[in-house]
Amino acid sequence: MTSLSTPVRTHVEAELNYLQPNGARPVNYAYPAPAGVPQSSGIVSTHRVSIANARVLSQPPTLDSHGFTLVPHRSQLSSVEEYLDERVLRERYYAESSELIKRVTGAEHVVIFDHTLRLDIKDHQQAGIREPVRRVHNDQTFVSGPRRVRDHLPPAEAEERLGHRFAILNLWRPIGAPVETAPLALCDARSIAESDLIPTDLVYRDKVGETYSFTYDARHRWFYYPQITPDEVVLLKIYDSRSDGRARLTAHTAFDDPNSPSDAPARRSIELRTLAFWPAGS
């Protein structure tokens, strides 16, 4: 962690990878792409941006204003091995995370439908663990958001839930040590225009989903939380069914922090993808 004698950085300058539109619908593969097919299509457009330290803001970001927030939370899981144990993860971590999301958001019901473990080592050989994503994106679109409800709830319940407010939230946490490499850059939802969003196919082995890639816009306001610890989580707004002025989504990406020590341990993290539901009238 930063010592008392270390100046607090108000921002960092770093490069983020956007998508340059070329008229073709972009395609990303969630598994190794077939021979001769690129893992990700589209033209990457790299831009150097200022990423502000969200820890020093006088008013901390919130889910409904910025589309993200930082929440102190100590997990019952205390070792890397526990996060790698599928049974422990689903029985204990899913349960405590659902309760956390309910407490922070006021949602009455939470369904965790996916998780991803990440390690910031290129071409590592650990099965089931992915590298951080270094491109500006959002995990769902205004089309695929409602589809997720129908994918993960019984038909009758899905239709009833779709009649009230629901959201898709990601819960992101470091594992084992504070983040020193590949931190998350988070975009203020209020600085995103609908024209910045590029629907993108995400190809799984059994289906095709839809995410948003983003075009560069100089008005985007980027933030990060330096040295996030395992006792903190970031909540990200991926989709919100309400269009009443609150943040409906945001953009995020891992980035290479030029201030990361050359011998910094590789980032380990876990993200949960969740459906949050509110009662009628919320």
C-alpha atoms as a PDB file:
ATOM      1  CA  MET A   1       0.000   0.000   0.000  1.00  0.00           C
ATOM      2  CA  THR A   2       1.047   3.649  -0.419  1.00  0.00           C
ATOM      3  CA  SER A   3       3.142   4.862   2.529  1.00  0.00           C
ATOM      4  CA  LEU A   4       2.507   8.143   4.348  1.00  0.00           C
ATOM      5  CA  SER A   5       5.593   9.660   2.700  1.00  0.00           C
ATOM      6  CA  THR A   6       4.505   8.763  -0.835  1.00  0.00           C
ATOM      7  CA  PRO A   7       2.677  11.573  -2.667  1.00  0.00           C
ATOM      8  CA  VAL A   8      -0.886  10.672  -3.588  1.00  0.00           C
ATOM      9  CA  ARG A   9      -1.290  10.636  -7.364  1.00  0.00           C
ATOM     10  CA  THR A  10      -4.334  12.519  -8.593  1.00  0.00           C
ATOM     11  CA  HIS A  11      -4.226  10.818 -11.998  1.00  0.00           C
ATOM     12  CA  VAL A  12      -2.190   8.654 -14.325  1.00  0.00           C
ATOM     13  CA  GLU A  13      -1.626   8.935 -18.093  1.00  0.00           C
ATOM     14  CA  ALA A  14      -2.090   5.628 -19.907  1.00  0.00           C
ATOM     15  CA  GLU A  15      -3.144   4.115 -23.207  1.00  0.00           C
ATOM     16  CA  LEU A  16      -6.595   2.562 -23.647  1.00  0.00           C
ATOM     17  CA  ASN A  17      -7.683   0.387 -26.548  1.00  0.00           C
ATOM     18  CA  TYR A  18     -10.877   1.521 -28.271  1.00  0.00           C
ATOM     19  CA  LEU A  19     -12.455   0.183 -31.454  1.00  0.00           C
ATOM     20  CA  GLN A  20     -12.285   2.083 -34.729  1.00  0.00           C
ATOM     21  CA  PRO A  21     -15.504   1.589 -36.721  1.00  0.00           C
ATOM     22  CA  ASN A  22     -15.006   0.073 -40.175  1.00  0.00           C
ATOM     23  CA  GLY A  23     -18.591  -0.779 -41.128  1.00  0.00           C
ATOM     24  CA  ALA A  24     -18.311  -4.446 -40.129  1.00  0.00           C
ATOM     25  CA  ARG A  25     -19.861  -5.898 -37.001  1.00  0.00           C
ATOM     26  CA  PRO A  26     -17.064  -6.819 -34.552  1.00  0.00           C
ATOM     27  CA  VAL A  27     -16.754 -10.395 -33.283  1.00  0.00           C
ATOM     28  CA  ASN A  28     -14.949 -11.652 -30.173  1.00  0.00           C
ATOM     29  CA  TYR A  29     -14.506 -15.298 -29.164  1.00  0.00           C
ATOM     30  CA  ALA A  30     -14.934 -16.416 -25.533  1.00  0.00           C
ATOM     31  CA  TYR A  31     -12.837 -19.517 -26.274  1.00  0.00           C
ATOM     32  CA  PRO A  32      -9.856 -20.140 -28.610  1.00  0.00           C
ATOM     33  CA  ALA A  33     -11.036 -19.102 -32.061  1.00  0.00           C
ATOM     34  CA  PRO A  34     -11.114 -21.637 -34.903  1.00  0.00           C
ATOM     35  CA  ALA A  35      -7.964 -21.972 -36.990  1.00  0.00           C
ATOM     36  CA  GLY A  36      -7.505 -19.008 -39.298  1.00  0.00           C
ATOM     37  CA  VAL A  37     -10.075 -16.872 -37.458  1.00  0.00           C
ATOM     38  CA  PRO A  38      -8.903 -13.890 -35.352  1.00  0.00           C
ATOM     39  CA  GLN A  39      -9.697 -14.030 -31.631  1.00  0.00           C
ATOM     40  CA  SER A  40     -11.120 -10.527 -31.947  1.00  0.00           C
ATOM     41  CA  SER A  41     -12.063  -8.730 -35.145  1.00  0.00           C
ATOM     42  CA  GLY A  42     -12.137  -4.992 -35.731  1.00  0.00           C
ATOM     43  CA  ILE A  43      -9.494  -2.290 -35.818  1.00  0.00           C
ATOM     44  CA  VAL A  44      -7.998  -1.325 -32.463  1.00  0.00           C
ATOM     45  CA  SER A  45      -7.588   2.417 -31.937  1.00  0.00           C
ATOM     46  CA  THR A  46      -5.238   3.241 -29.043  1.00  0.00           C
ATOM     47  CA  HIS A  47      -5.572   6.586 -27.271  1.00  0.00           C
ATOM     48  CA  ARG A  48      -3.591   8.103 -24.424  1.00  0.00           C
ATOM     49  CA  VAL A  49      -5.971   9.390 -21.763  1.00  0.00           C
ATOM     50  CA  SER A  50      -5.902  10.816 -18.257  1.00  0.00           C
ATOM     51  CA  ILE A  51      -7.279   8.389 -15.652  1.00  0.00           C
ATOM     52  CA  ALA A  52      -8.185  10.138 -12.401  1.00  0.00           C
ATOM     53  CA  ASN A  53      -7.711   8.690  -8.914  1.00  0.00           C
ATOM     54  CA  ALA A  54     -11.264   8.077  -7.709  1.00  0.00           C
ATOM     55  CA  ARG A  55     -10.056   7.713  -4.109  1.00  0.00           C
ATOM     56  CA  VAL A  56      -9.380  11.452  -3.796  1.00  0.00           C
ATOM     57  CA  LEU A  57     -12.731  12.700  -5.122  1.00  0.00           C
ATOM     58  CA  SER A  58     -14.721  14.796  -2.648  1.00  0.00           C
ATOM     59  CA  GLN A  59     -17.863  12.896  -3.678  1.00  0.00           C
ATOM     60  CA  PRO A  60     -17.210   9.163  -4.198  1.00  0.00           C
ATOM     61  CA  PRO A  61     -18.650   7.648  -7.404  1.00  0.00           C
ATOM     62  CA  THR A  62     -21.928   5.774  -7.082  1.00  0.00           C
ATOM     63  CA  LEU A  63     -23.616   3.119  -9.187  1.00  0.00           C
ATOM     64  CA  ASP A  64     -26.462   5.422 -10.205  1.00  0.00           C
ATOM     65  CA  SER A  65     -24.290   8.465 -10.981  1.00  0.00           C
ATOM     66  CA  HIS A  66     -21.035   7.149 -12.443  1.00  0.00           C
ATOM     67  CA  GLY A  67     -22.029   3.518 -13.038  1.00  0.00           C
ATOM     68  CA  PHE A  68     -19.468   2.137 -10.560  1.00  0.00           C
ATOM     69  CA  THR A  69     -18.545   2.306  -6.898  1.00  0.00           C
ATOM     70  CA  LEU A  70     -15.957   0.949  -4.447  1.00  0.00           C
ATOM     71  CA  VAL A  71     -17.218  -0.942  -1.395  1.00  0.00           C
ATOM     72  CA  PRO A  72     -15.178  -2.156   1.614  1.00  0.00           C
ATOM     73  CA  HIS A  73     -15.891  -5.856   2.167  1.00  0.00           C
ATOM     74  CA  ARG A  74     -13.839  -8.649   3.700  1.00  0.00           C
ATOM     75  CA  SER A  75     -14.621 -12.041   2.204  1.00  0.00           C
ATOM     76  CA  GLN A  76     -14.884 -15.254   4.200  1.00  0.00           C
ATOM     77  CA  LEU A  77     -12.492 -16.700   1.613  1.00  0.00           C
ATOM     78  CA  SER A  78      -8.941 -15.961   2.687  1.00  0.00           C
ATOM     79  CA  SER A  79      -6.660 -17.853   0.298  1.00  0.00           C
ATOM     80  CA  VAL A  80      -6.079 -18.154  -3.431  1.00  0.00           C
ATOM     81  CA  GLU A  81      -6.770 -21.894  -3.117  1.00  0.00           C
ATOM     82  CA  GLU A  82     -10.297 -21.268  -1.835  1.00  0.00           C
ATOM     83  CA  TYR A  83     -11.111 -19.111  -4.870  1.00  0.00           C
ATOM     84  CA  LEU A  84      -9.845 -21.911  -7.100  1.00  0.00           C
ATOM     85  CA  ASP A  85     -12.165 -24.429  -5.415  1.00  0.00           C
ATOM     86  CA  GLU A  86     -15.374 -24.423  -7.468  1.00  0.00           C
ATOM     87  CA  ARG A  87     -17.506 -25.834  -4.653  1.00  0.00           C
ATOM     88  CA  VAL A  88     -16.266 -23.338  -2.068  1.00  0.00           C
ATOM     89  CA  LEU A  89     -16.652 -20.515  -4.547  1.00  0.00           C
ATOM     90  CA  ARG A  90     -20.252 -21.311  -5.422  1.00  0.00           C
ATOM     91  CA  GLU A  91     -21.405 -22.215  -1.920  1.00  0.00           C
ATOM     92  CA  ARG A  92     -19.673 -19.536   0.136  1.00  0.00           C
ATOM     93  CA  TYR A  93     -18.511 -16.696  -2.118  1.00  0.00           C
ATOM     94  CA  TYR A  94     -21.694 -16.550  -4.179  1.00  0.00           C
ATOM     95  CA  ALA A  95     -23.804 -16.392  -0.995  1.00  0.00           C
ATOM     96  CA  GLU A  96     -21.845 -13.596   0.678  1.00  0.00           C
ATOM     97  CA  SER A  97     -21.651 -11.613  -2.552  1.00  0.00           C
ATOM     98  CA  SER A  98     -25.403 -11.816  -3.087  1.00  0.00           C
ATOM     99  CA  GLU A  99     -25.990 -10.424   0.395  1.00  0.00           C
ATOM    100  CA  LEU A 100     -23.484  -7.643  -0.215  1.00  0.00           C
ATOM    101  CA  ILE A 101     -25.211  -6.583  -3.439  1.00  0.00           C
ATOM    102  CA  LYS A 102     -28.593  -6.571  -1.703  1.00  0.00           C
ATOM    103  CA  ARG A 103     -27.235  -4.415   1.112  1.00  0.00           C
ATOM    104  CA  VAL A 104     -25.553  -1.891  -1.173  1.00  0.00           C
ATOM    105  CA  THR A 105     -28.301  -1.578  -3.796  1.00  0.00           C
ATOM    106  CA  GLY A 106     -31.537  -2.383  -1.985  1.00  0.00           C
ATOM    107  CA  ALA A 107     -32.317  -5.169  -4.453  1.00  0.00           C
ATOM    108  CA  GLU A 108     -34.629  -7.870  -3.079  1.00  0.00           C
ATOM    109  CA  HIS A 109     -33.260 -10.768  -5.123  1.00  0.00           C
ATOM    110  CA  VAL A 110     -29.862 -11.497  -6.710  1.00  0.00           C
ATOM    111  CA  VAL A 111     -28.941 -14.263  -9.165  1.00  0.00           C
ATOM    112  CA  ILE A 112     -25.244 -14.887  -9.850  1.00  0.00           C
ATOM    113  CA  PHE A 113     -25.000 -16.432 -13.298  1.00  0.00           C
ATOM    114  CA  ASP A 114     -21.284 -16.446 -14.073  1.00  0.00           C
ATOM    115  CA  HIS A 115     -17.807 -15.858 -12.696  1.00  0.00           C
ATOM    116  CA  THR A 116     -14.366 -15.389 -14.206  1.00  0.00           C
ATOM    117  CA  LEU A 117     -10.957 -15.767 -12.573  1.00  0.00           C
ATOM    118  CA  ARG A 118      -8.152 -13.711 -14.088  1.00  0.00           C
ATOM    119  CA  LEU A 119      -4.360 -13.698 -13.876  1.00  0.00           C
ATOM    120  CA  ASP A 120      -2.187 -11.012 -15.476  1.00  0.00           C
ATOM    121  CA  ILE A 121       0.357 -13.353 -17.058  1.00  0.00           C
ATOM    122  CA  LYS A 122       0.349 -13.641 -20.835  1.00  0.00           C
ATOM    123  CA  ASP A 123      -0.142 -17.155 -22.239  1.00  0.00           C
ATOM    124  CA  HIS A 124      -0.300 -18.744 -18.781  1.00  0.00           C
ATOM    125  CA  GLN A 125      -1.321 -22.390 -18.623  1.00  0.00           C
ATOM    126  CA  GLN A 126      -3.768 -22.388 -15.689  1.00  0.00           C
ATOM    127  CA  ALA A 127      -7.002 -23.952 -16.910  1.00  0.00           C
ATOM    128  CA  GLY A 128     -10.132 -21.886 -16.423  1.00  0.00           C
ATOM    129  CA  ILE A 129      -8.257 -18.649 -15.729  1.00  0.00           C
ATOM    130  CA  ARG A 130      -8.208 -15.822 -18.249  1.00  0.00           C
ATOM    131  CA  GLU A 131      -6.034 -12.775 -18.761  1.00  0.00           C
ATOM    132  CA  PRO A 132      -7.424  -9.288 -18.018  1.00  0.00           C
ATOM    133  CA  VAL A 133      -9.262  -7.709 -20.957  1.00  0.00           C
ATOM    134  CA  ARG A 134      -7.356  -4.717 -22.311  1.00  0.00           C
ATOM    135  CA  ARG A 135     -10.040  -3.161 -24.505  1.00  0.00           C
ATOM    136  CA  VAL A 136     -12.804  -0.729 -23.662  1.00  0.00           C
ATOM    137  CA  HIS A 137     -16.072  -2.646 -23.393  1.00  0.00           C
ATOM    138  CA  ASN A 138     -19.288  -3.348 -21.517  1.00  0.00           C
ATOM    139  CA  ASP A 139     -20.437  -6.920 -20.945  1.00  0.00           C
ATOM    140  CA  GLN A 140     -24.054  -6.532 -22.131  1.00  0.00           C
ATOM    141  CA  THR A 141     -26.146  -4.346 -24.443  1.00  0.00           C
ATOM    142  CA  PHE A 142     -29.657  -2.928 -24.297  1.00  0.00           C
ATOM    143  CA  VAL A 143     -30.678  -5.982 -26.349  1.00  0.00           C
ATOM    144  CA  SER A 144     -28.811  -8.722 -24.471  1.00  0.00           C
ATOM    145  CA  GLY A 145     -29.584  -7.407 -20.970  1.00  0.00           C
ATOM    146  CA  PRO A 146     -33.219  -8.583 -20.881  1.00  0.00           C
ATOM    147  CA  ARG A 147     -32.169 -11.773 -22.653  1.00  0.00           C
ATOM    148  CA  ARG A 148     -30.046 -12.688 -19.629  1.00  0.00           C
ATOM    149  CA  VAL A 149     -33.138 -12.738 -17.411  1.00  0.00           C
ATOM    150  CA  ARG A 150     -34.823 -15.245 -19.709  1.00  0.00           C
ATOM    151  CA  ASP A 151     -31.611 -17.291 -19.897  1.00  0.00           C
ATOM    152  CA  HIS A 152     -31.298 -17.759 -16.131  1.00  0.00           C
ATOM    153  CA  LEU A 153     -34.824 -17.705 -14.668  1.00  0.00           C
ATOM    154  CA  PRO A 154     -37.817 -20.014 -15.209  1.00  0.00           C
ATOM    155  CA  PRO A 155     -40.070 -18.590 -17.966  1.00  0.00           C
ATOM    156  CA  ALA A 156     -42.948 -17.454 -15.722  1.00  0.00           C
ATOM    157  CA  GLU A 157     -40.633 -15.840 -13.174  1.00  0.00           C
ATOM    158  CA  ALA A 158     -38.582 -14.189 -15.926  1.00  0.00           C
ATOM    159  CA  GLU A 159     -41.634 -12.494 -17.438  1.00  0.00           C
ATOM    160  CA  GLU A 160     -42.784 -11.297 -14.015  1.00  0.00           C
ATOM    161  CA  ARG A 161     -39.329  -9.954 -13.120  1.00  0.00           C
ATOM    162  CA  LEU A 162     -39.004  -8.194 -16.482  1.00  0.00           C
ATOM    163  CA  GLY A 163     -42.042  -6.114 -15.552  1.00  0.00           C
ATOM    164  CA  HIS A 164     -40.091  -4.387 -12.750  1.00  0.00           C
ATOM    165  CA  ARG A 165     -36.672  -2.803 -12.410  1.00  0.00           C
ATOM    166  CA  PHE A 166     -33.678  -5.077 -12.753  1.00  0.00           C
ATOM    167  CA  ALA A 167     -29.972  -4.566 -13.377  1.00  0.00           C
ATOM    168  CA  ILE A 168     -26.899  -6.543 -14.334  1.00  0.00           C
ATOM    169  CA  LEU A 169     -24.007  -5.805 -11.992  1.00  0.00           C
ATOM    170  CA  ASN A 170     -20.451  -7.084 -11.967  1.00  0.00           C
ATOM    171  CA  LEU A 171     -18.708  -7.551  -8.625  1.00  0.00           C
ATOM    172  CA  TRP A 172     -14.910  -7.397  -9.039  1.00  0.00           C
ATOM    173  CA  ARG A 173     -12.365  -8.276  -6.361  1.00  0.00           C
ATOM    174  CA  PRO A 174      -8.571  -8.750  -6.191  1.00  0.00           C
ATOM    175  CA  ILE A 175      -7.374 -12.101  -4.891  1.00  0.00           C
ATOM    176  CA  GLY A 176      -4.413 -12.614  -2.574  1.00  0.00           C
ATOM    177  CA  ALA A 177      -2.771  -9.185  -2.800  1.00  0.00           C
ATOM    178  CA  PRO A 178      -3.461  -5.549  -3.732  1.00  0.00           C
ATOM    179  CA  VAL A 179      -3.629  -4.784  -7.466  1.00  0.00           C
ATOM    180  CA  GLU A 180      -0.304  -3.493  -8.810  1.00  0.00           C
ATOM    181  CA  THR A 181      -0.603  -4.541 -12.463  1.00  0.00           C
ATOM    182  CA  ALA A 182      -3.483  -4.250 -14.937  1.00  0.00           C
ATOM    183  CA  PRO A 183      -5.796  -2.134 -12.759  1.00  0.00           C
ATOM    184  CA  LEU A 184      -9.328  -1.371 -13.928  1.00  0.00           C
ATOM    185  CA  ALA A 185     -10.128   1.889 -15.703  1.00  0.00           C
ATOM    186  CA  LEU A 186     -13.775   2.863 -15.227  1.00  0.00           C
ATOM    187  CA  CYS A 187     -15.639   5.394 -17.353  1.00  0.00           C
ATOM    188  CA  ASP A 188     -18.083   7.901 -15.859  1.00  0.00           C
ATOM    189  CA  ALA A 189     -21.418   6.875 -17.377  1.00  0.00           C
ATOM    190  CA  ARG A 190     -22.424  10.535 -17.716  1.00  0.00           C
ATOM    191  CA  SER A 191     -19.619  11.082 -20.236  1.00  0.00           C
ATOM    192  CA  ILE A 192     -20.750   8.283 -22.578  1.00  0.00           C
ATOM    193  CA  ALA A 193     -22.936   9.047 -25.596  1.00  0.00           C
ATOM    194  CA  GLU A 194     -25.129   6.404 -27.214  1.00  0.00           C
ATOM    195  CA  SER A 195     -23.208   6.967 -30.451  1.00  0.00           C
ATOM    196  CA  ASP A 196     -20.068   5.638 -28.684  1.00  0.00           C
ATOM    197  CA  LEU A 197     -21.582   2.143 -28.346  1.00  0.00           C
ATOM    198  CA  ILE A 198     -20.763  -0.552 -30.913  1.00  0.00           C
ATOM    199  CA  PRO A 199     -22.797  -3.803 -30.638  1.00  0.00           C
ATOM    200  CA  THR A 200     -20.339  -6.688 -30.802  1.00  0.00           C
ATOM    201  CA  ASP A 201     -20.885 -10.452 -31.103  1.00  0.00           C
ATOM    202  CA  LEU A 202     -19.416 -12.546 -28.299  1.00  0.00           C
ATOM    203  CA  VAL A 203     -19.197 -16.123 -29.543  1.00  0.00           C
ATOM    204  CA  TYR A 204     -19.435 -18.976 -27.033  1.00  0.00           C
ATOM    205  CA  ARG A 205     -19.247 -22.651 -27.946  1.00  0.00           C
ATOM    206  CA  ASP A 206     -23.040 -23.001 -27.636  1.00  0.00           C
ATOM    207  CA  LYS A 207     -24.422 -19.517 -28.357  1.00  0.00           C
ATOM    208  CA  VAL A 208     -23.689 -15.979 -29.508  1.00  0.00           C
ATOM    209  CA  GLY A 209     -24.036 -13.151 -26.996  1.00  0.00           C
ATOM    210  CA  GLU A 210     -23.813  -9.409 -27.518  1.00  0.00           C
ATOM    211  CA  THR A 211     -21.573  -6.864 -25.795  1.00  0.00           C
ATOM    212  CA  TYR A 212     -20.640  -3.247 -26.423  1.00  0.00           C
ATOM    213  CA  SER A 213     -17.297  -2.112 -27.778  1.00  0.00           C
ATOM    214  CA  PHE A 214     -16.649   1.644 -27.681  1.00  0.00           C
ATOM    215  CA  THR A 215     -15.373   4.270 -30.065  1.00  0.00           C
ATOM    216  CA  TYR A 216     -13.054   6.945 -28.726  1.00  0.00           C
ATOM    217  CA  ASP A 217     -14.594  10.165 -27.477  1.00  0.00           C
ATOM    218  CA  ALA A 218     -12.440  12.891 -25.926  1.00  0.00           C
ATOM    219  CA  ARG A 219     -15.291  13.646 -23.528  1.00  0.00           C
ATOM    220  CA  HIS A 220     -14.949  10.288 -21.773  1.00  0.00           C
ATOM    221  CA  ARG A 221     -13.943  10.746 -18.130  1.00  0.00           C
ATOM    222  CA  TRP A 222     -11.874   7.859 -16.795  1.00  0.00           C
ATOM    223  CA  PHE A 223     -11.180   6.834 -13.183  1.00  0.00           C
ATOM    224  CA  TYR A 224      -9.360   4.102 -11.276  1.00  0.00           C
ATOM    225  CA  TYR A 225      -8.789   3.036  -7.681  1.00  0.00           C
ATOM    226  CA  PRO A 226      -5.057   2.645  -6.999  1.00  0.00           C
ATOM    227  CA  GLN A 227      -3.952  -0.367  -4.979  1.00  0.00           C
ATOM    228  CA  ILE A 228      -7.355  -2.012  -4.576  1.00  0.00           C
ATOM    229  CA  THR A 229      -7.059  -4.663  -1.864  1.00  0.00           C
ATOM    230  CA  PRO A 230      -8.761  -8.053  -1.421  1.00  0.00           C
ATOM    231  CA  ASP A 231     -10.866  -6.355   1.278  1.00  0.00           C
ATOM    232  CA  GLU A 232     -12.466  -4.052  -1.310  1.00  0.00           C
ATOM    233  CA  VAL A 233     -14.781  -4.748  -4.235  1.00  0.00           C
ATOM    234  CA  VAL A 234     -15.791  -2.709  -7.260  1.00  0.00           C
ATOM    235  CA  LEU A 235     -19.422  -2.853  -8.351  1.00  0.00           C
ATOM    236  CA  LEU A 236     -19.992  -2.020 -12.047  1.00  0.00           C
ATOM    237  CA  LYS A 237     -23.314  -1.175 -13.689  1.00  0.00           C
ATOM    238  CA  ILE A 238     -23.531  -3.337 -16.826  1.00  0.00           C
ATOM    239  CA  TYR A 239     -27.218  -2.797 -17.565  1.00  0.00           C
ATOM    240  CA  ASP A 240     -30.156  -1.078 -15.883  1.00  0.00           C
ATOM    241  CA  SER A 241     -33.718  -1.403 -17.126  1.00  0.00           C
ATOM    242  CA  ARG A 242     -34.616   2.061 -15.803  1.00  0.00           C
ATOM    243  CA  SER A 243     -34.163   4.996 -18.209  1.00  0.00           C
ATOM    244  CA  ASP A 244     -34.943   7.760 -15.709  1.00  0.00           C
ATOM    245  CA  GLY A 245     -31.622   9.602 -15.753  1.00  0.00           C
ATOM    246  CA  ARG A 246     -29.573   7.225 -13.622  1.00  0.00           C
ATOM    247  CA  ALA A 247     -26.539   5.439 -15.116  1.00  0.00           C
ATOM    248  CA  ARG A 248     -27.667   2.517 -17.262  1.00  0.00           C
ATOM    249  CA  LEU A 249     -24.199   1.149 -18.067  1.00  0.00           C
ATOM    250  CA  THR A 250     -20.553   2.094 -18.092  1.00  0.00           C
ATOM    251  CA  ALA A 251     -17.341   1.120 -19.886  1.00  0.00           C
ATOM    252  CA  HIS A 252     -14.303  -0.521 -18.362  1.00  0.00           C
ATOM    253  CA  THR A 253     -10.953  -2.013 -19.310  1.00  0.00           C
ATOM    254  CA  ALA A 254      -7.722  -3.199 -17.769  1.00  0.00           C
ATOM    255  CA  PHE A 255      -4.777  -0.931 -18.525  1.00  0.00           C
ATOM    256  CA  ASP A 256      -1.017  -0.882 -18.101  1.00  0.00           C
ATOM    257  CA  ASP A 257      -0.184   1.565 -15.313  1.00  0.00           C
ATOM    258  CA  PRO A 258       3.207   3.176 -16.065  1.00  0.00           C
ATOM    259  CA  ASN A 259       3.756   3.491 -12.298  1.00  0.00           C
ATOM    260  CA  SER A 260       3.545  -0.264 -11.677  1.00  0.00           C
ATOM    261  CA  PRO A 261       6.851  -1.568 -10.234  1.00  0.00           C
ATOM    262  CA  SER A 262       8.774  -3.767 -12.629  1.00  0.00           C
ATOM    263  CA  ASP A 263       8.747  -6.587 -10.043  1.00  0.00           C
ATOM    264  CA  ALA A 264       5.075  -6.186  -9.091  1.00  0.00           C
ATOM    265  CA  PRO A 265       3.168  -9.438  -8.575  1.00  0.00           C
ATOM    266  CA  ALA A 266       0.747 -10.297 -11.348  1.00  0.00           C
ATOM    267  CA  ARG A 267      -2.832  -9.268 -10.690  1.00  0.00           C
ATOM    268  CA  ARG A 268      -5.215 -12.002  -9.629  1.00  0.00           C
ATOM    269  CA  SER A 269      -8.913 -11.173  -9.561  1.00  0.00           C
ATOM    270  CA  ILE A 270     -12.406 -12.574  -9.719  1.00  0.00           C
ATOM    271  CA  GLU A 271     -15.515 -11.029 -11.214  1.00  0.00           C
ATOM    272  CA  LEU A 272     -19.072 -12.173 -10.659  1.00  0.00           C
ATOM    273  CA  ARG A 273     -21.839 -11.380 -13.139  1.00  0.00           C
ATOM    274  CA  THR A 274     -25.163 -10.939 -11.447  1.00  0.00           C
ATOM    275  CA  LEU A 275     -28.821 -10.117 -11.993  1.00  0.00           C
ATOM    276  CA  ALA A 276     -30.320  -7.812  -9.358  1.00  0.00           C
ATOM    277  CA  PHE A 277     -34.090  -7.425  -9.032  1.00  0.00           C
ATOM    278  CA  TRP A 278     -36.162  -4.806  -7.215  1.00  0.00           C
ATOM    279  CA  PRO A 279     -39.804  -5.058  -6.125  1.00  0.00           C
ATOM    280  CA  ALA A 280     -42.647  -3.324  -7.972  1.00  0.00           C
ATOM    281  CA  GLY A 281     -42.573   0.438  -7.575  1.00  0.00           C
ATOM    282  CA  SER A 282     -38.802   0.696  -7.081  1.00  0.00           C
END
